[in-house]
C-alpha atoms as a PDB file:
ATOM      1  CA  MET A   1     175.911 121.167  33.666  1.00  0.00           C
ATOM      2  CA  GLN A   2     174.915 122.113  37.053  1.00  0.00           C
ATOM      3  CA  ASN A   3     171.542 123.008  35.706  1.00  0.00           C
ATOM      4  CA  GLU A   4     171.113 119.518  34.385  1.00  0.00           C
ATOM      5  CA  GLU A   5     172.062 117.995  37.728  1.00  0.00           C
ATOM      6  CA  ASN A   6     169.497 120.159  39.520  1.00  0.00           C
ATOM      7  CA  GLN A   7     166.825 119.013  37.104  1.00  0.00           C
ATOM      8  CA  ASP A   8     167.714 115.360  37.653  1.00  0.00           C
ATOM      9  CA  ILE A   9     167.555 115.814  41.418  1.00  0.00           C
ATOM     10  CA  ALA A  10     164.248 117.665  41.124  1.00  0.00           C
ATOM     11  CA  LEU A  11     162.789 114.865  39.035  1.00  0.00           C
ATOM     12  CA  GLU A  12     163.896 112.269  41.539  1.00  0.00           C
ATOM     13  CA  ASN A  13     162.269 114.197  44.386  1.00  0.00           C
ATOM     14  CA  ASN A  14     158.960 114.669  42.498  1.00  0.00           C
ATOM     15  CA  GLU A  15     158.382 110.973  41.815  1.00  0.00           C
ATOM     16  CA  GLU A  16     155.087 109.781  43.089  1.00  0.00           C
ATOM     17  CA  THR A  17     155.031 107.029  45.590  1.00  0.00           C
ATOM     18  CA  VAL A  18     152.297 104.487  45.250  1.00  0.00           C
ATOM     19  CA  GLU A  19     151.254 102.804  48.423  1.00  0.00           C
ATOM     20  CA  GLU A  20     149.505  99.504  48.391  1.00  0.00           C
ATOM     21  CA  THR A  21     146.580  99.262  50.741  1.00  0.00           C
ATOM     22  CA  ASN A  22     145.335  95.939  51.840  1.00  0.00           C
ATOM     23  CA  THR A  23     141.628  95.796  52.487  1.00  0.00           C
ATOM     24  CA  GLU A  24     140.557  92.998  54.669  1.00  0.00           C
ATOM     25  CA  THR A  25     137.245  91.327  53.918  1.00  0.00           C
ATOM     26  CA  VAL A  26     134.806  90.895  56.732  1.00  0.00           C
ATOM     27  CA  ASP A  27     133.831  87.286  57.102  1.00  0.00           C
ATOM     28  CA  ASP A  28     130.143  86.501  57.525  1.00  0.00           C
ATOM     29  CA  THR A  29     129.872  85.096  61.012  1.00  0.00           C
ATOM     30  CA  THR A  30     126.162  84.321  60.881  1.00  0.00           C
ATOM     31  CA  ASP A  31     125.396  80.868  62.117  1.00  0.00           C
ATOM     32  CA  TYR A  32     122.609  79.846  59.768  1.00  0.00           C
ATOM     33  CA  LYS A  33     122.033  76.538  61.508  1.00  0.00           C
ATOM     34  CA  ALA A  34     121.421  78.342  64.795  1.00  0.00           C
ATOM     35  CA  GLU A  35     119.061  80.780  63.075  1.00  0.00           C
ATOM     36  CA  ALA A  36     117.093  77.909  61.559  1.00  0.00           C
ATOM     37  CA  LEU A  37     116.813  76.170  64.929  1.00  0.00           C
ATOM     38  CA  LYS A  38     115.695  79.437  66.545  1.00  0.00           C
ATOM     39  CA  TRP A  39     112.876  79.950  64.016  1.00  0.00           C
ATOM     40  CA  LYS A  40     111.866  76.303  64.267  1.00  0.00           C
ATOM     41  CA  ALA A  41     111.580  76.634  68.040  1.00  0.00           C
ATOM     42  CA  ILE A  42     109.485  79.789  67.678  1.00  0.00           C
ATOM     43  CA  ALA A  43     107.156  78.006  65.247  1.00  0.00           C
ATOM     44  CA  GLU A  44     106.775  75.039  67.617  1.00  0.00           C
ATOM     45  CA  ARG A  45     106.088  77.347  70.564  1.00  0.00           C
ATOM     46  CA  ASN A  46     103.426  79.185  68.557  1.00  0.00           C
ATOM     47  CA  ALA A  47     101.866  75.875  67.573  1.00  0.00           C
ATOM     48  CA  LYS A  48     101.676  74.841  71.241  1.00  0.00           C
ATOM     49  CA  LYS A  49     100.081  78.151  72.186  1.00  0.00           C
ATOM     50  CA  LYS A  50      97.764  77.762  69.202  1.00  0.00           C
ATOM     51  CA  ILE A  51      98.557  81.172  67.917  1.00  0.00           C
ATOM     52  CA  ILE A  52      96.734  81.554  64.695  1.00  0.00           C
ATOM     53  CA  THR A  53      98.379  83.757  62.184  1.00  0.00           C
ATOM     54  CA  PRO A  54      95.886  85.885  60.296  1.00  0.00           C
ATOM     55  CA  ALA A  55      94.888  84.346  57.007  1.00  0.00           C
ATOM     56  CA  LYS A  56      96.016  86.239  53.987  1.00  0.00           C
ATOM     57  CA  THR A  57      93.191  87.457  51.847  1.00  0.00           C
ATOM     58  CA  GLU A  58      93.674  86.697  48.196  1.00  0.00           C
ATOM     59  CA  VAL A  59      94.319  89.814  46.244  1.00  0.00           C
ATOM     60  CA  PRO A  60      93.584  89.365  42.564  1.00  0.00           C
ATOM     61  CA  LYS A  61      96.710  89.449  40.462  1.00  0.00           C
ATOM     62  CA  PRO A  62      97.044  92.277  37.975  1.00  0.00           C
ATOM     63  CA  SER A  63      96.971  89.763  35.142  1.00  0.00           C
ATOM     64  CA  ASP A  64      93.602  88.456  36.402  1.00  0.00           C
ATOM     65  CA  ILE A  65      92.239  92.001  36.484  1.00  0.00           C
ATOM     66  CA  LEU A  66      93.444  92.601  32.950  1.00  0.00           C
ATOM     67  CA  LYS A  67      91.851  89.382  31.745  1.00  0.00           C
ATOM     68  CA  ALA A  68      88.578  90.398  33.395  1.00  0.00           C
ATOM     69  CA  ASP A  69      88.745  93.788  31.650  1.00  0.00           C
ATOM     70  CA  GLU A  70      89.442  92.096  28.322  1.00  0.00           C
ATOM     71  CA  PHE A  71      86.442  89.821  28.797  1.00  0.00           C
ATOM     72  CA  LYS A  72      84.183  92.762  29.648  1.00  0.00           C
ATOM     73  CA  LEU A  73      85.358  94.608  26.552  1.00  0.00           C
ATOM     74  CA  TYR A  74      84.745  91.524  24.430  1.00  0.00           C
ATOM     75  CA  ARG A  75      81.205  91.287  25.826  1.00  0.00           C
ATOM     76  CA  GLN A  76      80.667  94.958  24.961  1.00  0.00           C
ATOM     77  CA  GLY A  77      81.343  94.157  21.309  1.00  0.00           C
ATOM     78  CA  TYR A  78      84.949  95.239  20.802  1.00  0.00           C
ATOM     79  CA  SER A  79      87.128  93.222  18.424  1.00  0.00           C
ATOM     80  CA  GLU A  80      90.400  91.626  19.541  1.00  0.00           C
ATOM     81  CA  SER A  81      92.500  94.289  17.835  1.00  0.00           C
ATOM     82  CA  GLU A  82      90.468  97.030  19.530  1.00  0.00           C
ATOM     83  CA  ILE A  83      90.832  95.286  22.906  1.00  0.00           C
ATOM     84  CA  ASP A  84      94.605  95.119  22.414  1.00  0.00           C
ATOM     85  CA  LEU A  85      94.649  98.813  21.547  1.00  0.00           C
ATOM     86  CA  ILE A  86      92.592  99.671  24.627  1.00  0.00           C
ATOM     87  CA  MET A  87      94.744  97.537  26.933  1.00  0.00           C
ATOM     88  CA  HIS A  88      97.985  99.089  25.630  1.00  0.00           C
ATOM     89  CA  ASN A  89      96.620 102.600  26.190  1.00  0.00           C
ATOM     90  CA  GLY A  90      95.538 102.313  29.816  1.00  0.00           C
ATOM     91  CA  GLY A  91      92.919  99.581  29.993  1.00  0.00           C
ATOM     92  CA  ALA A  92      89.167  99.803  30.285  1.00  0.00           C
ATOM     93  CA  LYS A  93      89.344 102.959  32.414  1.00  0.00           C
ATOM     94  CA  ILE A  94      90.367 104.933  29.308  1.00  0.00           C
ATOM     95  CA  LEU A  95      86.846 104.459  27.944  1.00  0.00           C
ATOM     96  CA  GLU A  96      85.472 106.678  30.717  1.00  0.00           C
ATOM     97  CA  ASP A  97      86.950 109.769  29.026  1.00  0.00           C
ATOM     98  CA  LYS A  98      84.430 110.406  26.243  1.00  0.00           C
ATOM     99  CA  ALA A  99      86.498 113.286  24.776  1.00  0.00           C
ATOM    100  CA  ASN A 100      89.565 111.108  24.186  1.00  0.00           C
ATOM    101  CA  PRO A 101      90.263 110.775  20.435  1.00  0.00           C
ATOM    102  CA  LEU A 102      91.023 107.079  20.872  1.00  0.00           C
ATOM    103  CA  VAL A 103      87.644 106.502  22.493  1.00  0.00           C
ATOM    104  CA  LEU A 104      85.868 108.487  19.781  1.00  0.00           C
ATOM    105  CA  GLY A 105      87.596 106.467  17.065  1.00  0.00           C
ATOM    106  CA  LEU A 106      86.773 103.169  18.767  1.00  0.00           C
ATOM    107  CA  GLN A 107      83.167 104.231  19.184  1.00  0.00           C
ATOM    108  CA  ALA A 108      82.864 105.172  15.504  1.00  0.00           C
ATOM    109  CA  SER A 109      84.404 101.890  14.342  1.00  0.00           C
ATOM    110  CA  LYS A 110      82.146  99.924  16.704  1.00  0.00           C
ATOM    111  CA  GLU A 111      79.044 101.693  15.344  1.00  0.00           C
ATOM    112  CA  GLN A 112      80.219 101.078  11.776  1.00  0.00           C
ATOM    113  CA  ARG A 113      80.757  97.381  12.495  1.00  0.00           C
ATOM    114  CA  THR A 114      77.328  96.976  14.115  1.00  0.00           C
ATOM    115  CA  ALA A 115      75.700  98.713  11.124  1.00  0.00           C
ATOM    116  CA  GLU A 116      77.520  96.408   8.721  1.00  0.00           C
ATOM    117  CA  ASP A 117      76.532  93.353  10.751  1.00  0.00           C
ATOM    118  CA  ALA A 118      72.894  94.464  10.809  1.00  0.00           C
ATOM    119  CA  SER A 119      72.828  95.039   7.060  1.00  0.00           C
ATOM    120  CA  ALA A 120      74.375  91.624   6.441  1.00  0.00           C
ATOM    121  CA  LYS A 121      71.721  89.955   8.583  1.00  0.00           C
ATOM    122  CA  ALA A 122      68.840  91.648   6.807  1.00  0.00           C
ATOM    123  CA  ASN A 123      67.357  89.432   4.095  1.00  0.00           C
ATOM    124  CA  SER A 124      67.043  90.582   0.516  1.00  0.00           C
ATOM    125  CA  GLY A 125      63.254  90.840   0.750  1.00  0.00           C
ATOM    126  CA  SER A 126      63.253  93.440   3.462  1.00  0.00           C
ATOM    127  CA  GLY A 127      62.087  96.147   1.033  1.00  0.00           C
ATOM    128  CA  LEU A 128      59.094  94.082  -0.120  1.00  0.00           C
ATOM    129  CA  SER A 129      55.543  94.494   1.073  1.00  0.00           C
ATOM    130  CA  GLU A 130      53.760  91.760   3.019  1.00  0.00           C
ATOM    131  CA  ILE A 131      51.855  90.607  -0.100  1.00  0.00           C
ATOM    132  CA  GLU A 132      55.028  90.476  -2.163  1.00  0.00           C
ATOM    133  CA  ARG A 133      56.636  88.309   0.501  1.00  0.00           C
ATOM    134  CA  LYS A 134      53.679  85.882   0.589  1.00  0.00           C
ATOM    135  CA  TYR A 135      53.051  85.573  -3.152  1.00  0.00           C
ATOM    136  CA  THR A 136      55.432  85.465  -6.043  1.00  0.00           C
ATOM    137  CA  GLU A 137      54.806  87.427  -9.206  1.00  0.00           C
ATOM    138  CA  GLN A 138      53.772  84.235 -10.996  1.00  0.00           C
ATOM    139  CA  ASP A 139      51.228  83.409  -8.250  1.00  0.00           C
ATOM    140  CA  MET A 140      49.644  86.838  -8.615  1.00  0.00           C
ATOM    141  CA  ARG A 141      49.401  86.484 -12.418  1.00  0.00           C
ATOM    142  CA  ASN A 142      47.571  83.178 -12.000  1.00  0.00           C
ATOM    143  CA  MET A 143      45.000  84.647  -9.538  1.00  0.00           C
ATOM    144  CA  SER A 144      41.607  85.835 -10.595  1.00  0.00           C
ATOM    145  CA  LYS A 145      40.627  89.511 -10.481  1.00  0.00           C
ATOM    146  CA  GLU A 146      38.392  88.911  -7.436  1.00  0.00           C
ATOM    147  CA  ASP A 147      41.259  87.300  -5.472  1.00  0.00           C
ATOM    148  CA  LEU A 148      43.556  90.125  -6.425  1.00  0.00           C
ATOM    149  CA  ALA A 149      40.930  92.679  -5.387  1.00  0.00           C
ATOM    150  CA  LYS A 150      40.752  90.992  -1.957  1.00  0.00           C
ATOM    151  CA  LEU A 151      44.515  91.143  -1.612  1.00  0.00           C
ATOM    152  CA  LEU A 152      44.851  94.624  -3.022  1.00  0.00           C
ATOM    153  CA  PRO A 153      41.896  96.633  -1.788  1.00  0.00           C
ATOM    154  CA  HIS A 154      43.147  99.824  -3.392  1.00  0.00           C
ATOM    155  CA  ALA A 155      43.155  98.261  -6.892  1.00  0.00           C
ATOM    156  CA  ASP A 156      39.978  98.831  -9.004  1.00  0.00           C
END
């Protein structure tokens, strides 16, 4: 039994004591009205002395720069999807690296598109000779041999 009493006493002595700490908040003692009056007085004094503050130079916003790059790319013949791809991969400066796979792919697709546009613009008679463009087959059948000989000097 004595053993049990010693254990009870030991447990009572080992209890942790929790202390409450009160932290006091520091009140903001700044007098904002006084600060405002101070800065107003400084501004009035500067106005009386005619102190001119240096004018801020307008720095173009990054969005304006990006829009300018997009416009330049559009003028160079890139499609909207290609411009988006370029802008998401570093902007127009990425085009300076000619070994970049993205640039090579864009260049190939641009060349393909210009070739397709050129072939679409070509008329169907582009493979015809000058005489075939001027005269139809029916016109040439109705011409005399002398007129045909004048048109076709190599014909005998």
